[in-house]
């Protein structure tokens, strides 16, 4: 087998074919390779480049049109750039027909809505913040007042005594300097001689006595006999009545009924 090099392309030819070619003066080569004349090859390269350019350009245009359709929100069939431009121009002209004053009015209305929503949100937040602060302050006041109540010797539990005191206007608060002061119906309770708020512990004891919440013991606070202890309208009779009904003195129902009777004058504490 002989090898012939044609412009860098090597082609294998049987030796007998070469012998025939030498005798006839003509060599026919059969191969899968395509062999061009120099001028034909240049034409081929030019045509191939043009075809690839057209394919690339078409693919690029289609990708661009697809992206622009999505961005502009335009729905059209196909990916023809000329058709896209036609629809896009139409949309722009349509939007341009809206009067500037109307646009300004719409924007102004939107702005007012935003202002109103923000104002409502701010009010809600401030109200919430105030409520939280008030609850925290109320809790601190109750804790301070509870500290002044004796753990034993009362007719009711400390928490109930605290509720009764507040119901009758006995309370505490903080002055501008943060000092705890006693209050009766919202007014500062003062020592008449010194003209200054009385001691909180003394205030609490006075309140408990005025509400008759100390247990009666011979020779002790609220001393006296037990006559009339279960008299209708007394706290002892009320407690006994509620207990017979199965209502615990720590329950909400007990406190609500107690406050109701105190308010209408049918319970004296």
C-alpha atoms as a PDB file:
ATOM      1  CA  UNK A   1       0.000   0.000   0.000  1.00  0.00           C
ATOM      2  CA  UNK A   2       1.419   3.404  -1.044  1.00  0.00           C
ATOM      3  CA  UNK A   3       0.703   6.760   0.658  1.00  0.00           C
ATOM      4  CA  UNK A   4       0.264   9.983  -1.335  1.00  0.00           C
ATOM      5  CA  UNK A   5       0.368  13.346   0.457  1.00  0.00           C
ATOM      6  CA  UNK A   6      -2.030  15.921  -1.027  1.00  0.00           C
ATOM      7  CA  UNK A   7      -1.690  19.336   0.633  1.00  0.00           C
ATOM      8  CA  UNK A   8      -1.103  17.679   3.982  1.00  0.00           C
ATOM      9  CA  UNK A   9      -3.855  15.082   3.523  1.00  0.00           C
ATOM     10  CA  UNK A  10      -2.407  11.573   3.329  1.00  0.00           C
ATOM     11  CA  UNK A  11      -4.282   9.126   1.105  1.00  0.00           C
ATOM     12  CA  UNK A  12      -3.546   5.422   0.896  1.00  0.00           C
ATOM     13  CA  UNK A  13      -3.513   3.823  -2.637  1.00  0.00           C
ATOM     14  CA  UNK A  14      -2.970   0.247  -3.597  1.00  0.00           C
ATOM     15  CA  UNK A  15       0.295  -0.311  -5.492  1.00  0.00           C
ATOM     16  CA  UNK A  16      -1.522  -1.975  -8.373  1.00  0.00           C
ATOM     17  CA  UNK A  17      -3.564   1.228  -8.779  1.00  0.00           C
ATOM     18  CA  UNK A  18      -0.326   3.162  -9.022  1.00  0.00           C
ATOM     19  CA  UNK A  19       0.940   0.681 -11.682  1.00  0.00           C
ATOM     20  CA  UNK A  20      -2.240   1.150 -13.739  1.00  0.00           C
ATOM     21  CA  UNK A  21      -1.931   4.921 -13.380  1.00  0.00           C
ATOM     22  CA  UNK A  22       1.672   4.767 -14.616  1.00  0.00           C
ATOM     23  CA  UNK A  23       0.582   2.801 -17.676  1.00  0.00           C
ATOM     24  CA  UNK A  24      -2.479   4.930 -18.455  1.00  0.00           C
ATOM     25  CA  UNK A  25      -0.992   8.244 -17.373  1.00  0.00           C
ATOM     26  CA  UNK A  26      -4.055   8.933 -15.255  1.00  0.00           C
ATOM     27  CA  UNK A  27      -4.565   8.420 -11.461  1.00  0.00           C
ATOM     28  CA  UNK A  28      -8.036   8.202  -9.974  1.00  0.00           C
ATOM     29  CA  UNK A  29      -8.212   8.514  -6.185  1.00  0.00           C
ATOM     30  CA  UNK A  30     -11.303   7.317  -4.292  1.00  0.00           C
ATOM     31  CA  UNK A  31     -11.434   8.697  -0.693  1.00  0.00           C
ATOM     32  CA  UNK A  32     -13.852   9.966   1.985  1.00  0.00           C
ATOM     33  CA  UNK A  33     -11.883  13.225   2.113  1.00  0.00           C
ATOM     34  CA  UNK A  34     -13.204  16.290   0.293  1.00  0.00           C
ATOM     35  CA  UNK A  35     -10.526  17.965  -1.762  1.00  0.00           C
ATOM     36  CA  UNK A  36     -11.017  21.546  -2.925  1.00  0.00           C
ATOM     37  CA  UNK A  37      -9.266  23.653  -5.460  1.00  0.00           C
ATOM     38  CA  UNK A  38      -7.701  26.637  -3.667  1.00  0.00           C
ATOM     39  CA  UNK A  39     -10.285  29.087  -5.049  1.00  0.00           C
ATOM     40  CA  UNK A  40     -13.167  26.729  -4.261  1.00  0.00           C
ATOM     41  CA  UNK A  41     -11.952  26.236  -0.702  1.00  0.00           C
ATOM     42  CA  UNK A  42     -11.887  30.004  -0.103  1.00  0.00           C
ATOM     43  CA  UNK A  43     -15.470  30.228  -1.353  1.00  0.00           C
ATOM     44  CA  UNK A  44     -16.457  27.359   0.959  1.00  0.00           C
ATOM     45  CA  UNK A  45     -14.902  29.053   3.973  1.00  0.00           C
ATOM     46  CA  UNK A  46     -16.685  32.344   3.227  1.00  0.00           C
ATOM     47  CA  UNK A  47     -20.079  30.658   2.819  1.00  0.00           C
ATOM     48  CA  UNK A  48     -19.593  28.607   6.000  1.00  0.00           C
ATOM     49  CA  UNK A  49     -18.689  31.706   8.016  1.00  0.00           C
ATOM     50  CA  UNK A  50     -21.766  33.531   6.700  1.00  0.00           C
ATOM     51  CA  UNK A  51     -24.045  30.630   7.634  1.00  0.00           C
ATOM     52  CA  UNK A  52     -22.652  30.429  11.167  1.00  0.00           C
ATOM     53  CA  UNK A  53     -22.958  34.198  11.583  1.00  0.00           C
ATOM     54  CA  UNK A  54     -26.607  34.115  10.509  1.00  0.00           C
ATOM     55  CA  UNK A  55     -27.344  31.273  12.913  1.00  0.00           C
ATOM     56  CA  UNK A  56     -25.623  33.088  15.806  1.00  0.00           C
ATOM     57  CA  UNK A  57     -27.351  36.357  15.016  1.00  0.00           C
ATOM     58  CA  UNK A  58     -30.777  34.715  14.907  1.00  0.00           C
ATOM     59  CA  UNK A  59     -30.190  32.901  18.210  1.00  0.00           C
ATOM     60  CA  UNK A  60     -28.969  36.130  19.838  1.00  0.00           C
ATOM     61  CA  UNK A  61     -31.980  38.104  18.601  1.00  0.00           C
ATOM     62  CA  UNK A  62     -34.383  35.465  19.874  1.00  0.00           C
ATOM     63  CA  UNK A  63     -32.745  35.432  23.337  1.00  0.00           C
ATOM     64  CA  UNK A  64     -32.790  39.233  23.492  1.00  0.00           C
ATOM     65  CA  UNK A  65     -36.454  39.469  22.457  1.00  0.00           C
ATOM     66  CA  UNK A  66     -37.409  36.819  25.029  1.00  0.00           C
ATOM     67  CA  UNK A  67     -35.651  38.731  27.828  1.00  0.00           C
ATOM     68  CA  UNK A  68     -37.196  42.056  26.752  1.00  0.00           C
ATOM     69  CA  UNK A  69     -40.685  40.543  26.620  1.00  0.00           C
ATOM     70  CA  UNK A  70     -40.353  39.357  30.200  1.00  0.00           C
ATOM     71  CA  UNK A  71     -38.972  42.662  31.442  1.00  0.00           C
ATOM     72  CA  UNK A  72     -41.555  44.801  29.627  1.00  0.00           C
ATOM     73  CA  UNK A  73     -44.438  42.450  30.429  1.00  0.00           C
ATOM     74  CA  UNK A  74     -45.376  42.133  26.764  1.00  0.00           C
ATOM     75  CA  UNK A  75     -47.060  38.979  25.505  1.00  0.00           C
ATOM     76  CA  UNK A  76     -46.554  38.314  21.788  1.00  0.00           C
ATOM     77  CA  UNK A  77     -46.216  35.170  19.711  1.00  0.00           C
ATOM     78  CA  UNK A  78     -42.779  34.318  18.408  1.00  0.00           C
ATOM     79  CA  UNK A  79     -39.458  36.067  18.852  1.00  0.00           C
ATOM     80  CA  UNK A  80     -39.488  38.513  15.975  1.00  0.00           C
ATOM     81  CA  UNK A  81     -37.642  41.681  17.116  1.00  0.00           C
ATOM     82  CA  UNK A  82     -39.554  43.886  14.660  1.00  0.00           C
ATOM     83  CA  UNK A  83     -42.886  42.653  16.010  1.00  0.00           C
ATOM     84  CA  UNK A  84     -41.705  43.220  19.584  1.00  0.00           C
ATOM     85  CA  UNK A  85     -40.672  46.792  18.800  1.00  0.00           C
ATOM     86  CA  UNK A  86     -44.025  47.455  17.186  1.00  0.00           C
ATOM     87  CA  UNK A  87     -45.962  46.226  20.258  1.00  0.00           C
ATOM     88  CA  UNK A  88     -43.580  48.030  22.651  1.00  0.00           C
ATOM     89  CA  UNK A  89     -44.041  51.347  20.838  1.00  0.00           C
ATOM     90  CA  UNK A  90     -47.804  50.864  20.940  1.00  0.00           C
ATOM     91  CA  UNK A  91     -47.736  50.294  24.713  1.00  0.00           C
ATOM     92  CA  UNK A  92     -45.567  53.351  25.330  1.00  0.00           C
ATOM     93  CA  UNK A  93     -47.897  55.543  23.271  1.00  0.00           C
ATOM     94  CA  UNK A  94     -50.920  54.130  25.108  1.00  0.00           C
ATOM     95  CA  UNK A  95     -49.419  54.910  28.519  1.00  0.00           C
ATOM     96  CA  UNK A  96     -48.428  58.375  27.356  1.00  0.00           C
ATOM     97  CA  UNK A  97     -52.107  59.192  26.817  1.00  0.00           C
ATOM     98  CA  UNK A  98     -52.648  59.253  30.615  1.00  0.00           C
ATOM     99  CA  UNK A  99     -52.798  62.881  31.746  1.00  0.00           C
ATOM    100  CA  UNK A 100     -49.852  63.941  33.927  1.00  0.00           C
ATOM    101  CA  UNK A 101     -52.215  65.539  36.456  1.00  0.00           C
ATOM    102  CA  UNK A 102     -54.035  62.235  36.906  1.00  0.00           C
ATOM    103  CA  UNK A 103     -50.753  60.463  37.514  1.00  0.00           C
ATOM    104  CA  UNK A 104     -49.787  63.074  40.106  1.00  0.00           C
ATOM    105  CA  UNK A 105     -53.191  62.709  41.766  1.00  0.00           C
ATOM    106  CA  UNK A 106     -52.791  58.931  41.962  1.00  0.00           C
ATOM    107  CA  UNK A 107     -49.321  59.271  43.448  1.00  0.00           C
ATOM    108  CA  UNK A 108     -50.601  61.832  45.980  1.00  0.00           C
ATOM    109  CA  UNK A 109     -53.414  59.500  47.042  1.00  0.00           C
ATOM    110  CA  UNK A 110     -50.988  56.614  47.421  1.00  0.00           C
ATOM    111  CA  UNK A 111     -48.712  58.794  49.510  1.00  0.00           C
ATOM    112  CA  UNK A 112     -51.598  59.813  51.795  1.00  0.00           C
ATOM    113  CA  UNK A 113     -52.583  56.180  52.248  1.00  0.00           C
ATOM    114  CA  UNK A 114     -49.024  55.353  53.264  1.00  0.00           C
ATOM    115  CA  UNK A 115     -48.955  58.278  55.705  1.00  0.00           C
ATOM    116  CA  UNK A 116     -52.263  57.179  57.224  1.00  0.00           C
ATOM    117  CA  UNK A 117     -51.145  53.563  57.548  1.00  0.00           C
ATOM    118  CA  UNK A 118     -47.888  54.643  59.169  1.00  0.00           C
ATOM    119  CA  UNK A 119     -49.758  56.941  61.558  1.00  0.00           C
ATOM    120  CA  UNK A 120     -52.149  54.169  62.598  1.00  0.00           C
ATOM    121  CA  UNK A 121     -49.258  51.757  63.083  1.00  0.00           C
ATOM    122  CA  UNK A 122     -47.359  54.294  65.178  1.00  0.00           C
ATOM    123  CA  UNK A 123     -50.450  54.993  67.322  1.00  0.00           C
ATOM    124  CA  UNK A 124     -51.028  51.281  67.877  1.00  0.00           C
ATOM    125  CA  UNK A 125     -47.408  50.766  68.861  1.00  0.00           C
ATOM    126  CA  UNK A 126     -47.385  53.745  71.244  1.00  0.00           C
ATOM    127  CA  UNK A 127     -50.626  52.559  72.853  1.00  0.00           C
ATOM    128  CA  UNK A 128     -49.194  49.083  73.293  1.00  0.00           C
ATOM    129  CA  UNK A 129     -45.994  50.509  74.768  1.00  0.00           C
ATOM    130  CA  UNK A 130     -47.984  52.696  77.184  1.00  0.00           C
ATOM    131  CA  UNK A 131     -50.112  49.746  78.297  1.00  0.00           C
ATOM    132  CA  UNK A 132     -47.027  47.641  78.953  1.00  0.00           C
ATOM    133  CA  UNK A 133     -45.438  50.470  80.956  1.00  0.00           C
ATOM    134  CA  UNK A 134     -48.611  50.983  82.978  1.00  0.00           C
ATOM    135  CA  UNK A 135     -48.898  47.271  83.730  1.00  0.00           C
ATOM    136  CA  UNK A 136     -45.267  47.113  84.836  1.00  0.00           C
ATOM    137  CA  UNK A 137     -45.729  50.169  87.071  1.00  0.00           C
ATOM    138  CA  UNK A 138     -48.972  48.769  88.511  1.00  0.00           C
ATOM    139  CA  UNK A 139     -47.237  45.480  89.275  1.00  0.00           C
ATOM    140  CA  UNK A 140     -44.369  47.265  91.030  1.00  0.00           C
ATOM    141  CA  UNK A 141     -46.845  49.304  93.111  1.00  0.00           C
ATOM    142  CA  UNK A 142     -48.759  46.162  94.124  1.00  0.00           C
ATOM    143  CA  UNK A 143     -45.546  44.394  95.112  1.00  0.00           C
ATOM    144  CA  UNK A 144     -44.447  47.336  97.273  1.00  0.00           C
ATOM    145  CA  UNK A 145     -47.852  47.554  98.962  1.00  0.00           C
ATOM    146  CA  UNK A 146     -47.997  43.776  99.458  1.00  0.00           C
ATOM    147  CA  UNK A 147     -44.671  43.940 101.324  1.00  0.00           C
ATOM    148  CA  UNK A 148     -46.388  46.080 103.986  1.00  0.00           C
ATOM    149  CA  UNK A 149     -49.168  43.551 104.654  1.00  0.00           C
ATOM    150  CA  UNK A 150     -48.685  41.031 107.480  1.00  0.00           C
ATOM    151  CA  UNK A 151     -48.464  37.378 106.465  1.00  0.00           C
ATOM    152  CA  UNK A 152     -50.640  36.308 109.407  1.00  0.00           C
ATOM    153  CA  UNK A 153     -53.419  37.842 111.490  1.00  0.00           C
ATOM    154  CA  UNK A 154     -55.671  38.861 108.601  1.00  0.00           C
ATOM    155  CA  UNK A 155     -59.214  37.688 107.973  1.00  0.00           C
ATOM    156  CA  UNK A 156     -58.415  37.216 104.291  1.00  0.00           C
ATOM    157  CA  UNK A 157     -55.418  36.333 102.202  1.00  0.00           C
ATOM    158  CA  UNK A 158     -52.876  39.055 101.447  1.00  0.00           C
ATOM    159  CA  UNK A 159     -53.916  39.249  97.790  1.00  0.00           C
ATOM    160  CA  UNK A 160     -57.586  39.698  98.772  1.00  0.00           C
ATOM    161  CA  UNK A 161     -56.656  42.344 101.330  1.00  0.00           C
ATOM    162  CA  UNK A 162     -54.711  44.175  98.629  1.00  0.00           C
ATOM    163  CA  UNK A 163     -57.712  44.094  96.279  1.00  0.00           C
ATOM    164  CA  UNK A 164     -60.030  45.390  99.024  1.00  0.00           C
ATOM    165  CA  UNK A 165     -57.626  48.194  99.870  1.00  0.00           C
ATOM    166  CA  UNK A 166     -57.451  49.355  96.253  1.00  0.00           C
ATOM    167  CA  UNK A 167     -61.225  49.004  95.894  1.00  0.00           C
ATOM    168  CA  UNK A 168     -61.673  51.395  98.825  1.00  0.00           C
ATOM    169  CA  UNK A 169     -59.168  53.869  97.422  1.00  0.00           C
ATOM    170  CA  UNK A 170     -56.063  52.866  99.396  1.00  0.00           C
ATOM    171  CA  UNK A 171     -53.070  52.714  97.046  1.00  0.00           C
ATOM    172  CA  UNK A 172     -49.448  53.751  96.510  1.00  0.00           C
ATOM    173  CA  UNK A 173     -47.557  55.445  93.693  1.00  0.00           C
ATOM    174  CA  UNK A 174     -44.210  57.021  92.899  1.00  0.00           C
ATOM    175  CA  UNK A 175     -43.466  60.745  93.080  1.00  0.00           C
ATOM    176  CA  UNK A 176     -41.231  62.604  90.624  1.00  0.00           C
ATOM    177  CA  UNK A 177     -38.111  61.519  92.495  1.00  0.00           C
ATOM    178  CA  UNK A 178     -39.167  57.848  92.366  1.00  0.00           C
ATOM    179  CA  UNK A 179     -40.096  57.660  96.068  1.00  0.00           C
ATOM    180  CA  UNK A 180     -43.097  55.532  97.057  1.00  0.00           C
ATOM    181  CA  UNK A 181     -45.981  57.615  98.487  1.00  0.00           C
ATOM    182  CA  UNK A 182     -49.360  56.597 100.039  1.00  0.00           C
ATOM    183  CA  UNK A 183     -52.623  57.588  98.357  1.00  0.00           C
ATOM    184  CA  UNK A 184     -56.281  57.664  99.405  1.00  0.00           C
ATOM    185  CA  UNK A 185     -58.691  58.206  96.541  1.00  0.00           C
ATOM    186  CA  UNK A 186     -55.850  59.607  94.480  1.00  0.00           C
ATOM    187  CA  UNK A 187     -54.714  62.139  97.106  1.00  0.00           C
ATOM    188  CA  UNK A 188     -51.397  61.915  98.968  1.00  0.00           C
ATOM    189  CA  UNK A 189     -51.900  60.891 102.618  1.00  0.00           C
ATOM    190  CA  UNK A 190     -49.771  63.230 104.747  1.00  0.00           C
ATOM    191  CA  UNK A 191     -48.740  63.514 108.365  1.00  0.00           C
ATOM    192  CA  UNK A 192     -50.666  66.583 109.574  1.00  0.00           C
ATOM    193  CA  UNK A 193     -47.896  67.717 111.895  1.00  0.00           C
ATOM    194  CA  UNK A 194     -44.981  67.219 109.483  1.00  0.00           C
ATOM    195  CA  UNK A 195     -46.949  67.927 106.307  1.00  0.00           C
ATOM    196  CA  UNK A 196     -45.237  65.077 104.512  1.00  0.00           C
ATOM    197  CA  UNK A 197     -46.385  61.648 103.259  1.00  0.00           C
ATOM    198  CA  UNK A 198     -46.836  59.158 106.097  1.00  0.00           C
ATOM    199  CA  UNK A 199     -44.785  56.007 106.360  1.00  0.00           C
ATOM    200  CA  UNK A 200     -46.024  53.295 103.942  1.00  0.00           C
ATOM    201  CA  UNK A 201     -46.134  50.629 106.653  1.00  0.00           C
ATOM    202  CA  UNK A 202     -48.203  52.888 108.905  1.00  0.00           C
ATOM    203  CA  UNK A 203     -50.453  53.688 105.958  1.00  0.00           C
ATOM    204  CA  UNK A 204     -51.023  49.986 105.230  1.00  0.00           C
ATOM    205  CA  UNK A 205     -51.827  49.209 108.874  1.00  0.00           C
ATOM    206  CA  UNK A 206     -54.254  52.130 109.051  1.00  0.00           C
ATOM    207  CA  UNK A 207     -55.980  50.913 105.866  1.00  0.00           C
ATOM    208  CA  UNK A 208     -56.316  47.365 107.190  1.00  0.00           C
ATOM    209  CA  UNK A 209     -57.799  48.642 110.449  1.00  0.00           C
ATOM    210  CA  UNK A 210     -60.283  50.904 108.702  1.00  0.00           C
ATOM    211  CA  UNK A 211     -61.391  47.953 106.580  1.00  0.00           C
ATOM    212  CA  UNK A 212     -61.579  45.716 109.678  1.00  0.00           C
ATOM    213  CA  UNK A 213     -59.364  43.087 108.044  1.00  0.00           C
ATOM    214  CA  UNK A 214     -57.415  42.168 111.188  1.00  0.00           C
ATOM    215  CA  UNK A 215     -58.555  39.062 112.998  1.00  0.00           C
ATOM    216  CA  UNK A 216     -60.160  39.914 116.325  1.00  0.00           C
ATOM    217  CA  UNK A 217     -58.039  38.662 119.201  1.00  0.00           C
ATOM    218  CA  UNK A 218     -58.356  39.541 122.855  1.00  0.00           C
ATOM    219  CA  UNK A 219     -55.922  42.315 123.701  1.00  0.00           C
ATOM    220  CA  UNK A 220     -54.616  42.420 120.147  1.00  0.00           C
ATOM    221  CA  UNK A 221     -55.224  44.539 117.064  1.00  0.00           C
ATOM    222  CA  UNK A 222     -58.936  45.110 116.558  1.00  0.00           C
ATOM    223  CA  UNK A 223     -59.564  43.679 120.003  1.00  0.00           C
ATOM    224  CA  UNK A 224     -63.094  42.901 121.081  1.00  0.00           C
ATOM    225  CA  UNK A 225     -65.439  40.007 121.372  1.00  0.00           C
ATOM    226  CA  UNK A 226     -66.723  37.874 118.584  1.00  0.00           C
ATOM    227  CA  UNK A 227     -70.370  38.902 119.001  1.00  0.00           C
ATOM    228  CA  UNK A 228     -71.996  39.506 115.624  1.00  0.00           C
ATOM    229  CA  UNK A 229     -69.118  37.896 113.773  1.00  0.00           C
ATOM    230  CA  UNK A 230     -71.504  35.973 111.540  1.00  0.00           C
ATOM    231  CA  UNK A 231     -73.966  38.804 111.355  1.00  0.00           C
ATOM    232  CA  UNK A 232     -75.510  39.172 107.840  1.00  0.00           C
ATOM    233  CA  UNK A 233     -73.484  41.664 105.829  1.00  0.00           C
ATOM    234  CA  UNK A 234     -70.257  40.964 107.702  1.00  0.00           C
ATOM    235  CA  UNK A 235     -67.198  39.686 105.921  1.00  0.00           C
ATOM    236  CA  UNK A 236     -67.199  36.529 108.040  1.00  0.00           C
ATOM    237  CA  UNK A 237     -70.791  35.724 107.057  1.00  0.00           C
ATOM    238  CA  UNK A 238     -69.988  36.384 103.388  1.00  0.00           C
ATOM    239  CA  UNK A 239     -66.937  34.091 103.485  1.00  0.00           C
ATOM    240  CA  UNK A 240     -68.969  31.336 105.138  1.00  0.00           C
ATOM    241  CA  UNK A 241     -71.778  31.726 102.584  1.00  0.00           C
ATOM    242  CA  UNK A 242     -69.419  31.507  99.617  1.00  0.00           C
ATOM    243  CA  UNK A 243     -67.612  28.509 101.120  1.00  0.00           C
ATOM    244  CA  UNK A 244     -70.932  26.686 101.520  1.00  0.00           C
ATOM    245  CA  UNK A 245     -71.563  27.368  97.837  1.00  0.00           C
ATOM    246  CA  UNK A 246     -68.203  25.825  96.952  1.00  0.00           C
ATOM    247  CA  UNK A 247     -66.650  29.155  95.900  1.00  0.00           C
ATOM    248  CA  UNK A 248     -63.026  29.439  97.013  1.00  0.00           C
ATOM    249  CA  UNK A 249     -61.873  32.762  98.460  1.00  0.00           C
ATOM    250  CA  UNK A 250     -59.013  32.817  95.915  1.00  0.00           C
ATOM    251  CA  UNK A 251     -61.323  32.535  92.900  1.00  0.00           C
ATOM    252  CA  UNK A 252     -62.325  35.328  90.552  1.00  0.00           C
ATOM    253  CA  UNK A 253     -65.998  34.624  91.275  1.00  0.00           C
ATOM    254  CA  UNK A 254     -65.376  35.246  95.013  1.00  0.00           C
ATOM    255  CA  UNK A 255     -63.693  38.600  94.363  1.00  0.00           C
ATOM    256  CA  UNK A 256     -66.302  39.725  91.845  1.00  0.00           C
ATOM    257  CA  UNK A 257     -69.175  38.925  94.238  1.00  0.00           C
ATOM    258  CA  UNK A 258     -67.317  40.588  97.120  1.00  0.00           C
ATOM    259  CA  UNK A 259     -66.769  43.789  95.121  1.00  0.00           C
ATOM    260  CA  UNK A 260     -70.395  43.769  93.938  1.00  0.00           C
ATOM    261  CA  UNK A 261     -71.739  43.538  97.507  1.00  0.00           C
ATOM    262  CA  UNK A 262     -69.341  46.168  98.811  1.00  0.00           C
ATOM    263  CA  UNK A 263     -70.468  48.488  96.028  1.00  0.00           C
ATOM    264  CA  UNK A 264     -74.186  48.006  96.714  1.00  0.00           C
ATOM    265  CA  UNK A 265     -73.655  48.256 100.486  1.00  0.00           C
ATOM    266  CA  UNK A 266     -74.698  44.733 101.398  1.00  0.00           C
ATOM    267  CA  UNK A 267     -71.200  43.781 102.591  1.00  0.00           C
ATOM    268  CA  UNK A 268     -69.164  45.617 105.187  1.00  0.00           C
ATOM    269  CA  UNK A 269     -65.452  44.987 105.563  1.00  0.00           C
END
